[in-house]
Amino acid sequence: MDMTKTTSFPGLAVALSALVLGACGSDPYVVTSTSTQTASQTGTPSATVTNSGSLSTTTTGAGGPTTTVTSSVTSSNTGTGSPTQTSSQTLTNTGTSISTRTTTVTVTTTATMTASTVLGPFRSVTAGLETACALRSNGTVICWGDNTYGATKPLSGTFESISMGDAFYCGVKTDHALACSAYTAQDTPGPLAPGVKVMPQDGTFVAVSAGYSQACAITAVDGSVVCWGANFGQAPPSGTFTAVSTGSSGSMCGIRTDGTLACWGVSGTLPPPSDTFTSVSVGFGAPCGIRTDATLACWGGEATPPSGTFQSVSTSDDFACAVRTDGTLVCWGDNTSSRATPLSGGNFVSVSTGQYFACALKVDGTIACWGRNTSGEATPPAS
C-alpha cells in the first residue's frame, strides 16, 4: 500500500563557518544560511518510508553577493518513528573583495508518520470480553460479537479513538468530547453503578481507556487523568500523562510526559518498572508495556515476554499478544481456544486481546481475528 504525505520544514537557520580563499588570506568569517525543505513521504507506517523533495538554501555574508542553490534530496528510512534525513550541499560564491568562498551546508530534518496514515476500511480495532469494535477510516464505529449489554450498538458521530471494556466501549469524538456505550440494558452513558462517579459530560479529551466497570481519560487542557465508574479505592495520580490503560480487574496505569509509569487501583499493577515507555496495556491485572527502545516489559501474570522489538502490545486474562517491528504477531500465556496462537505472516500494525480471542489491524486497513468465536467475536466485518 502506498500513501503520500507532504511536510514542510521552513526556516532552519544555521550558523556556518566559511573557508576563505584568494587574495584576502585565510581569515574565517561567519555567514548565515536559511534553508527550506519540502519533502514527500511514501510508504507504510511499518515498512520503508522514502523522503524525496528539494532543498533550497540562501547564503549571505561579507565580501560577496547572495547565492541561492536548489538541489534534489532523496533518502530512505525504515520504521514507524520519526525518519531523519540529512542533506549536504556545497555553495561557491564570487565577490569583489574576496575572490572565492566555499561553504558546506548540512541540514537535518525530521518527519513523522502516524497510525492515521493507514489507508483502508479501518484505522483501529479494540477487543473486550466477547465483543470487539473498530474505527472506520471515516471515523464511524462498528462493533460485533455479544450484545448482552448493548455493546454492539454503534455510537453516533465520528471519533478519533475508541477503547473496548469488558461489555461496553468509550471513545474520543472528533470534537474531543467523550461518549460511551450503554453499560446496562438502558441507554445510560458509561459504566454506571449506584453511587459512583459518572462519565464527564463536559470538557475535551485526547485519550480514553475502558475496563471492567470503570474507565479513565486524559484531558486535553492539562493532560491530567480522570476516572469514573466503579471505585477501586484509589484516585488517579496527579501530573501530566500521554497514555492511559484501564484493566479488567480495577487496575490502571498511565505514562507520564517523561515516559515513566504510574499505576493505581488493584495492587497487582504495583510497582511498575522504572524504565521509560511509549505504550502500556494493563489487561487483567498483568500489565505489559513497550519501552522507549521498543523492547517489552511485563510485570504480574505475564512477566516473561518474548525478546525483540515491538510496536504494539495488548494483555488480557492470562495471555498477551504483540506486534513486532517487522509486522509479525506473537502471543504467549494460556492458549485456551487457541487464543495465544496468532495468525502467521506479517503486515500487522496493532493488536488487541479479548477474553478468549484477539484481533489485529493489518497495514492495508483490514482486520483479522482468532480464538473463540461463540458470539461471532472472532468474525470481523469487511468494512
Protein backbone atom coordinates (compact mmCIF):
# COMPACT_ATOMS: atom_id res chain seq x y z
CA MET A 1 0.00 0.00 0.00
CA ASP A 2 1.33 3.40 -0.92
CA MET A 3 0.48 6.74 0.60
CA THR A 4 1.84 10.23 0.18
CA LYS A 5 2.22 12.83 2.89
CA THR A 6 3.74 16.25 2.21
CA THR A 7 5.51 18.03 5.05
CA SER A 8 7.23 21.42 5.01
CA PHE A 9 10.17 22.31 7.22
CA PRO A 10 10.56 26.11 6.96
CA GLY A 11 13.16 28.42 8.39
CA LEU A 12 16.03 26.21 9.53
CA ALA A 13 18.63 28.80 10.45
CA VAL A 14 22.22 27.52 10.59
CA ALA A 15 25.36 29.46 11.58
CA LEU A 16 28.14 28.38 9.26
CA SER A 17 31.87 28.95 9.12
CA ALA A 18 33.29 29.57 5.66
CA LEU A 19 36.76 28.84 4.32
CA VAL A 20 38.14 32.00 2.70
CA LEU A 21 40.42 31.55 -0.30
CA GLY A 22 42.16 34.06 -2.52
CA ALA A 23 43.82 37.47 -2.17
CA CYS A 24 42.49 38.35 1.31
CA GLY A 25 44.26 35.45 3.01
CA SER A 26 42.71 32.76 5.19
CA ASP A 27 40.86 34.69 7.93
CA PRO A 28 37.49 32.97 8.50
CA TYR A 29 34.20 34.78 8.77
CA VAL A 30 30.67 33.66 9.58
CA VAL A 31 27.88 33.53 7.05
CA THR A 32 24.20 32.82 7.74
CA SER A 33 22.24 30.20 5.80
CA THR A 34 18.44 29.89 5.80
CA SER A 35 17.13 26.62 4.34
CA THR A 36 13.65 25.49 3.44
CA GLN A 37 12.93 21.88 2.58
CA THR A 38 9.74 20.43 1.14
CA ALA A 39 9.62 16.63 1.25
CA SER A 40 7.09 13.95 0.31
CA GLN A 41 6.77 10.65 2.15
CA THR A 42 5.70 7.42 0.53
CA GLY A 43 5.44 4.04 2.18
CA THR A 44 3.60 2.37 5.02
CA PRO A 45 3.78 3.02 8.79
CA SER A 46 5.50 -0.30 9.42
CA ALA A 47 7.64 -0.53 6.30
CA THR A 48 10.09 1.66 4.39
CA VAL A 49 9.46 5.38 4.24
CA THR A 50 11.04 7.36 1.40
CA ASN A 51 11.57 11.11 1.67
CA SER A 52 12.10 12.97 -1.58
CA GLY A 53 11.97 16.65 -2.40
CA SER A 54 14.00 19.81 -2.92
CA LEU A 55 16.28 21.76 -0.59
CA SER A 56 16.68 25.48 -1.30
CA THR A 57 19.47 27.31 0.57
CA THR A 58 20.20 31.05 0.53
CA THR A 59 23.58 32.15 1.93
CA THR A 60 24.68 35.72 2.66
CA GLY A 61 27.90 37.03 4.18
CA ALA A 62 30.71 39.55 3.98
CA GLY A 63 32.50 40.10 0.72
CA GLY A 64 30.09 38.61 -1.75
CA PRO A 65 26.58 38.57 -3.19
CA THR A 66 23.70 36.37 -2.07
CA THR A 67 23.66 32.93 -3.65
CA THR A 68 20.72 30.53 -3.81
CA VAL A 69 21.18 26.86 -4.65
CA THR A 70 18.40 24.29 -5.03
CA SER A 71 19.16 20.59 -5.05
CA SER A 72 17.21 17.34 -5.09
CA VAL A 73 17.07 15.29 -1.89
CA THR A 74 16.10 11.63 -1.56
CA SER A 75 16.61 9.25 1.36
CA SER A 76 15.04 6.01 2.59
CA ASN A 77 14.14 5.32 6.21
CA THR A 78 12.75 2.17 7.81
CA GLY A 79 10.45 2.22 10.82
CA THR A 80 7.37 3.78 12.34
CA GLY A 81 9.02 6.53 14.33
CA SER A 82 10.45 9.81 13.08
CA PRO A 83 12.52 9.25 9.93
CA THR A 84 15.51 11.61 9.74
CA GLN A 85 17.23 12.67 6.55
CA THR A 86 20.45 14.67 6.16
CA SER A 87 21.30 16.69 3.07
CA SER A 88 24.68 18.24 2.17
CA GLN A 89 25.44 20.99 -0.36
CA THR A 90 28.48 22.98 -1.42
CA LEU A 91 27.93 26.67 -2.27
CA THR A 92 30.51 28.65 -4.23
CA ASN A 93 30.09 32.44 -4.24
CA THR A 94 32.10 35.09 -6.09
CA GLY A 95 32.61 38.57 -4.59
CA THR A 96 34.60 41.73 -5.17
CA SER A 97 36.76 41.78 -2.04
CA ILE A 98 37.08 38.03 -1.66
CA SER A 99 37.72 36.01 -4.77
CA THR A 100 36.07 32.77 -3.66
CA ARG A 101 34.32 31.43 -0.61
CA THR A 102 33.18 27.82 -0.20
CA THR A 103 30.54 26.84 2.35
CA THR A 104 29.38 23.30 3.14
CA VAL A 105 25.78 23.29 4.39
CA THR A 106 24.35 20.32 6.31
CA VAL A 107 20.62 20.37 7.04
CA THR A 108 18.84 17.74 9.18
CA THR A 109 15.05 17.46 9.04
CA THR A 110 12.60 15.08 10.67
CA ALA A 111 9.25 13.76 9.51
CA THR A 112 6.78 11.62 11.43
CA MET A 113 4.33 9.03 10.10
CA THR A 114 1.48 8.15 12.45
CA ALA A 115 -1.19 5.46 12.53
CA SER A 116 -3.59 7.85 10.83
CA THR A 117 -1.68 7.22 7.61
CA VAL A 118 -3.15 3.70 7.45
CA LEU A 119 -5.44 3.56 4.44
CA GLY A 120 -8.25 1.05 4.07
CA PRO A 121 -11.56 0.19 5.73
CA PHE A 122 -10.38 0.60 9.35
CA ARG A 123 -8.00 2.71 11.44
CA SER A 124 -8.03 0.74 14.70
CA VAL A 125 -9.56 -2.27 16.46
CA THR A 126 -10.26 -2.92 20.16
CA ALA A 127 -11.42 -6.18 21.81
CA GLY A 128 -13.39 -6.82 25.01
CA LEU A 129 -14.95 -9.76 26.83
CA GLU A 130 -16.84 -11.27 23.87
CA THR A 131 -17.22 -8.12 21.79
CA ALA A 132 -14.96 -6.08 19.53
CA CYS A 133 -15.24 -2.67 17.91
CA ALA A 134 -13.37 -0.97 15.10
CA LEU A 135 -12.92 2.60 14.00
CA ARG A 136 -13.58 3.02 10.30
CA SER A 137 -11.41 5.24 8.14
CA ASN A 138 -14.25 7.80 8.06
CA GLY A 139 -14.32 7.97 11.88
CA THR A 140 -17.52 5.97 12.45
CA VAL A 141 -17.69 2.94 14.76
CA ILE A 142 -18.80 -0.63 14.07
CA CYS A 143 -18.99 -3.42 16.67
CA TRP A 144 -19.60 -7.17 16.57
CA GLY A 145 -19.92 -10.13 18.95
CA ASP A 146 -22.00 -10.43 22.12
CA ASN A 147 -24.69 -7.75 22.56
CA THR A 148 -25.97 -8.62 26.04
CA TYR A 149 -25.32 -5.12 27.37
CA GLY A 150 -25.85 -3.28 24.10
CA ALA A 151 -22.13 -3.18 23.37
CA THR A 152 -22.56 -3.70 19.63
CA LYS A 153 -24.85 -0.69 19.29
CA PRO A 154 -22.76 1.91 17.43
CA LEU A 155 -22.41 5.36 18.93
CA SER A 156 -23.39 8.21 16.64
CA GLY A 157 -20.88 10.71 15.32
CA THR A 158 -17.24 10.40 14.33
CA PHE A 159 -14.35 9.50 16.59
CA GLU A 160 -10.61 9.98 16.94
CA SER A 161 -10.15 6.83 19.05
CA ILE A 162 -12.16 4.10 20.80
CA SER A 163 -11.50 1.62 23.62
CA MET A 164 -13.43 -1.56 24.41
CA GLY A 165 -14.01 -2.59 28.03
CA ASP A 166 -15.48 -5.90 29.12
CA ALA A 167 -19.02 -5.17 27.87
CA PHE A 168 -19.01 -1.50 26.86
CA TYR A 169 -16.78 0.89 24.95
CA CYS A 170 -15.86 4.55 25.10
CA GLY A 171 -14.43 6.91 22.52
CA VAL A 172 -12.99 10.36 21.99
CA LYS A 173 -15.04 12.16 19.36
CA THR A 174 -13.55 14.36 16.65
CA ASP A 175 -14.59 17.39 18.71
CA HIS A 176 -12.68 15.76 21.64
CA ALA A 177 -15.83 15.12 23.71
CA LEU A 178 -16.33 11.74 25.41
CA ALA A 179 -19.00 9.16 24.61
CA CYS A 180 -19.63 5.66 25.99
CA SER A 181 -22.00 2.87 25.03
CA ALA A 182 -24.70 1.63 27.40
CA TYR A 183 -23.43 -0.44 30.29
CA THR A 184 -26.89 -1.71 31.24
CA ALA A 185 -29.91 -2.54 29.13
CA GLN A 186 -30.92 1.12 29.42
CA ASP A 187 -29.20 3.86 27.46
CA THR A 188 -27.29 5.20 30.43
CA PRO A 189 -23.96 6.69 29.36
CA GLY A 190 -20.86 4.92 30.53
CA PRO A 191 -20.12 2.18 33.07
CA LEU A 192 -22.55 3.21 35.79
CA ALA A 193 -23.30 1.71 39.19
CA PRO A 194 -25.28 3.19 42.10
CA GLY A 195 -23.42 5.97 43.89
CA VAL A 196 -20.31 6.06 41.73
CA LYS A 197 -18.89 8.83 39.59
CA VAL A 198 -20.39 9.17 36.12
CA MET A 199 -18.70 9.93 32.82
CA PRO A 200 -17.67 13.60 32.42
CA GLN A 201 -20.28 15.40 30.33
CA ASP A 202 -18.13 18.48 29.64
CA GLY A 203 -14.54 19.17 28.72
CA THR A 204 -12.24 17.96 25.97
CA PHE A 205 -10.09 14.85 25.94
CA VAL A 206 -7.25 13.30 23.96
CA ALA A 207 -7.43 9.63 25.04
CA VAL A 208 -9.75 7.19 26.79
CA SER A 209 -9.46 3.61 28.07
CA ALA A 210 -12.35 1.37 29.16
CA GLY A 211 -12.04 -1.51 31.65
CA TYR A 212 -14.33 -3.88 33.55
CA SER A 213 -16.73 -1.38 35.12
CA GLN A 214 -14.68 1.78 35.03
CA ALA A 215 -12.93 4.00 32.51
CA CYS A 216 -10.22 6.67 32.51
CA ALA A 217 -9.47 9.52 30.12
CA ILE A 218 -6.75 12.15 29.60
CA THR A 219 -7.93 15.76 29.50
CA ALA A 220 -6.89 18.00 26.62
CA VAL A 221 -6.48 21.05 28.85
CA ASP A 222 -3.69 19.89 31.15
CA GLY A 223 -3.04 16.21 30.40
CA SER A 224 -4.43 15.05 33.75
CA VAL A 225 -6.28 11.74 34.18
CA VAL A 226 -9.93 11.48 35.22
CA CYS A 227 -11.69 8.18 36.00
CA TRP A 228 -15.31 7.18 36.56
CA GLY A 229 -17.40 4.09 37.20
CA ALA A 230 -16.60 1.53 39.89
CA ASN A 231 -14.37 2.91 42.63
CA PHE A 232 -11.46 0.62 43.48
CA GLY A 233 -10.32 2.80 46.35
CA GLN A 234 -7.57 4.86 44.73
CA ALA A 235 -7.84 8.05 42.70
CA PRO A 236 -5.57 8.57 39.69
CA PRO A 237 -2.30 10.32 40.48
CA SER A 238 -1.73 13.96 39.67
CA GLY A 239 0.53 15.05 36.84
CA THR A 240 0.55 15.15 33.04
CA PHE A 241 0.06 11.97 31.01
CA THR A 242 0.33 10.91 27.37
CA ALA A 243 -1.34 7.47 27.64
CA VAL A 244 -3.62 5.55 29.99
CA SER A 245 -4.78 1.91 30.20
CA THR A 246 -7.67 0.60 32.31
CA GLY A 247 -7.67 -3.12 33.07
CA SER A 248 -10.43 -5.62 33.66
CA SER A 249 -9.65 -6.05 37.34
CA GLY A 250 -9.70 -2.46 38.54
CA SER A 251 -6.04 -1.91 37.73
CA MET A 252 -4.92 1.19 35.85
CA CYS A 253 -1.59 2.52 34.55
CA GLY A 254 -0.59 5.69 32.75
CA ILE A 255 2.51 7.03 31.02
CA ARG A 256 3.70 10.43 32.19
CA THR A 257 5.13 13.00 29.79
CA ASP A 258 8.65 11.96 30.83
CA GLY A 259 7.90 8.36 29.80
CA THR A 260 7.72 6.93 33.32
CA LEU A 261 4.82 4.78 34.52
CA ALA A 262 2.30 5.39 37.28
CA CYS A 263 -0.16 2.66 38.34
CA TRP A 264 -3.11 2.69 40.73
CA GLY A 265 -6.15 0.65 41.75
CA VAL A 266 -5.69 -3.04 42.48
CA SER A 267 -2.19 -3.65 43.84
CA GLY A 268 -1.39 -6.26 41.18
CA THR A 269 -0.09 -3.49 38.94
CA LEU A 270 2.34 -2.20 41.55
CA PRO A 271 5.14 -1.32 41.49
CA PRO A 272 5.72 -0.65 37.77
CA PRO A 273 9.20 -0.84 36.22
CA SER A 274 11.36 2.26 36.48
CA ASP A 275 12.09 2.34 32.72
CA THR A 276 10.57 4.80 30.25
CA PHE A 277 7.74 3.66 27.96
CA THR A 278 5.83 4.59 24.81
CA SER A 279 2.76 2.39 25.43
CA VAL A 280 1.18 0.28 28.17
CA SER A 281 -1.60 -2.34 28.40
CA VAL A 282 -2.96 -3.42 31.79
CA GLY A 283 -5.27 -6.31 30.87
CA PHE A 284 -6.47 -8.45 33.78
CA GLY A 285 -4.01 -7.01 36.29
CA ALA A 286 -0.94 -8.28 34.41
CA PRO A 287 0.41 -5.23 32.55
CA CYS A 288 2.92 -5.09 29.74
CA GLY A 289 4.50 -2.06 28.13
CA ILE A 290 6.78 -1.13 25.26
CA ARG A 291 9.93 0.65 26.41
CA THR A 292 11.39 3.59 24.50
CA ASP A 293 13.91 1.17 22.95
CA ALA A 294 10.91 -0.86 21.59
CA THR A 295 11.55 -3.87 23.89
CA LEU A 296 8.82 -5.37 26.07
CA ALA A 297 8.49 -5.31 29.84
CA CYS A 298 5.78 -7.19 31.75
CA TRP A 299 5.04 -7.43 35.45
CA GLY A 300 2.45 -9.60 37.13
CA GLY A 301 0.95 -12.67 35.44
CA GLU A 302 2.61 -12.27 32.04
CA ALA A 303 6.06 -11.40 33.38
CA THR A 304 8.10 -13.28 30.75
CA PRO A 305 7.55 -11.55 27.39
CA PRO A 306 9.38 -12.54 24.20
CA SER A 307 12.58 -10.78 23.20
CA GLY A 308 12.91 -8.45 20.23
CA THR A 309 11.44 -5.08 19.32
CA PHE A 310 7.74 -4.27 19.16
CA GLN A 311 5.27 -1.62 18.03
CA SER A 312 2.05 -2.80 19.75
CA VAL A 313 1.16 -4.91 22.81
CA SER A 314 -2.12 -5.97 24.44
CA THR A 315 -2.70 -8.08 27.55
CA SER A 316 -5.80 -9.90 28.77
CA ASP A 317 -6.73 -12.72 31.16
CA ASP A 318 -3.61 -14.96 31.39
CA PHE A 319 -2.37 -14.24 27.86
CA ALA A 320 -0.95 -11.42 25.79
CA CYS A 321 -0.14 -10.62 22.17
CA ALA A 322 2.21 -8.15 20.49
CA VAL A 323 3.19 -6.94 17.02
CA ARG A 324 6.90 -6.95 16.27
CA THR A 325 8.51 -4.06 14.39
CA ASP A 326 8.67 -6.32 11.32
CA GLY A 327 4.84 -6.56 11.37
CA THR A 328 4.58 -10.18 12.61
CA LEU A 329 2.43 -11.32 15.54
CA VAL A 330 3.48 -13.17 18.67
CA CYS A 331 1.35 -14.34 21.64
CA TRP A 332 2.20 -16.01 24.93
CA GLY A 333 0.44 -17.38 28.01
CA ASP A 334 -2.64 -19.59 28.31
CA ASN A 335 -3.74 -20.99 24.94
CA THR A 336 -7.41 -21.78 25.67
CA SER A 337 -9.41 -21.70 22.41
CA SER A 338 -6.09 -21.15 20.57
CA ARG A 339 -6.17 -17.52 21.65
CA ALA A 340 -2.37 -17.50 22.06
CA THR A 341 -1.84 -18.98 18.60
CA PRO A 342 -1.73 -15.89 16.37
CA LEU A 343 -2.08 -15.69 12.64
CA SER A 344 1.06 -16.20 10.58
CA GLY A 345 2.58 -13.74 8.18
CA GLY A 346 3.39 -10.07 8.58
CA ASN A 347 1.91 -6.71 7.66
CA PHE A 348 0.21 -6.12 11.03
CA VAL A 349 0.11 -2.70 12.68
CA SER A 350 -1.60 -3.24 16.06
CA VAL A 351 -3.26 -5.96 18.16
CA SER A 352 -6.00 -6.06 20.82
CA THR A 353 -6.78 -9.03 23.07
CA GLY A 354 -10.23 -10.00 24.35
CA GLN A 355 -11.03 -12.71 26.87
CA TYR A 356 -10.59 -15.77 24.66
CA PHE A 357 -9.91 -14.14 21.29
CA ALA A 358 -7.82 -11.40 19.74
CA CYS A 359 -7.98 -9.10 16.73
CA ALA A 360 -5.24 -7.33 14.80
CA LEU A 361 -5.19 -4.48 12.29
CA LYS A 362 -3.28 -5.04 9.07
CA VAL A 363 -1.30 -2.46 7.11
CA ASP A 364 -3.98 -2.46 4.40
CA GLY A 365 -6.61 -1.40 6.98
CA THR A 366 -8.37 -4.77 7.23
CA ILE A 367 -8.92 -6.73 10.46
CA ALA A 368 -8.13 -10.37 11.27
CA CYS A 369 -9.25 -12.19 14.45
CA TRP A 370 -8.60 -15.61 16.01
CA GLY A 371 -9.60 -17.67 19.06
CA ARG A 372 -13.06 -18.39 20.47
CA ASN A 373 -15.97 -17.37 18.25
CA THR A 374 -19.02 -18.20 20.40
CA SER A 375 -20.76 -14.87 19.77
CA GLY A 376 -19.10 -14.05 16.46
CA GLU A 377 -16.40 -12.02 18.19
CA ALA A 378 -13.66 -13.53 16.01
CA THR A 379 -15.54 -12.78 12.77
CA PRO A 380 -14.80 -9.13 11.96
CA PRO A 381 -16.65 -7.20 9.27
CA ALA A 382 -15.02 -6.47 5.92
CA SER A 383 -15.87 -2.78 6.05
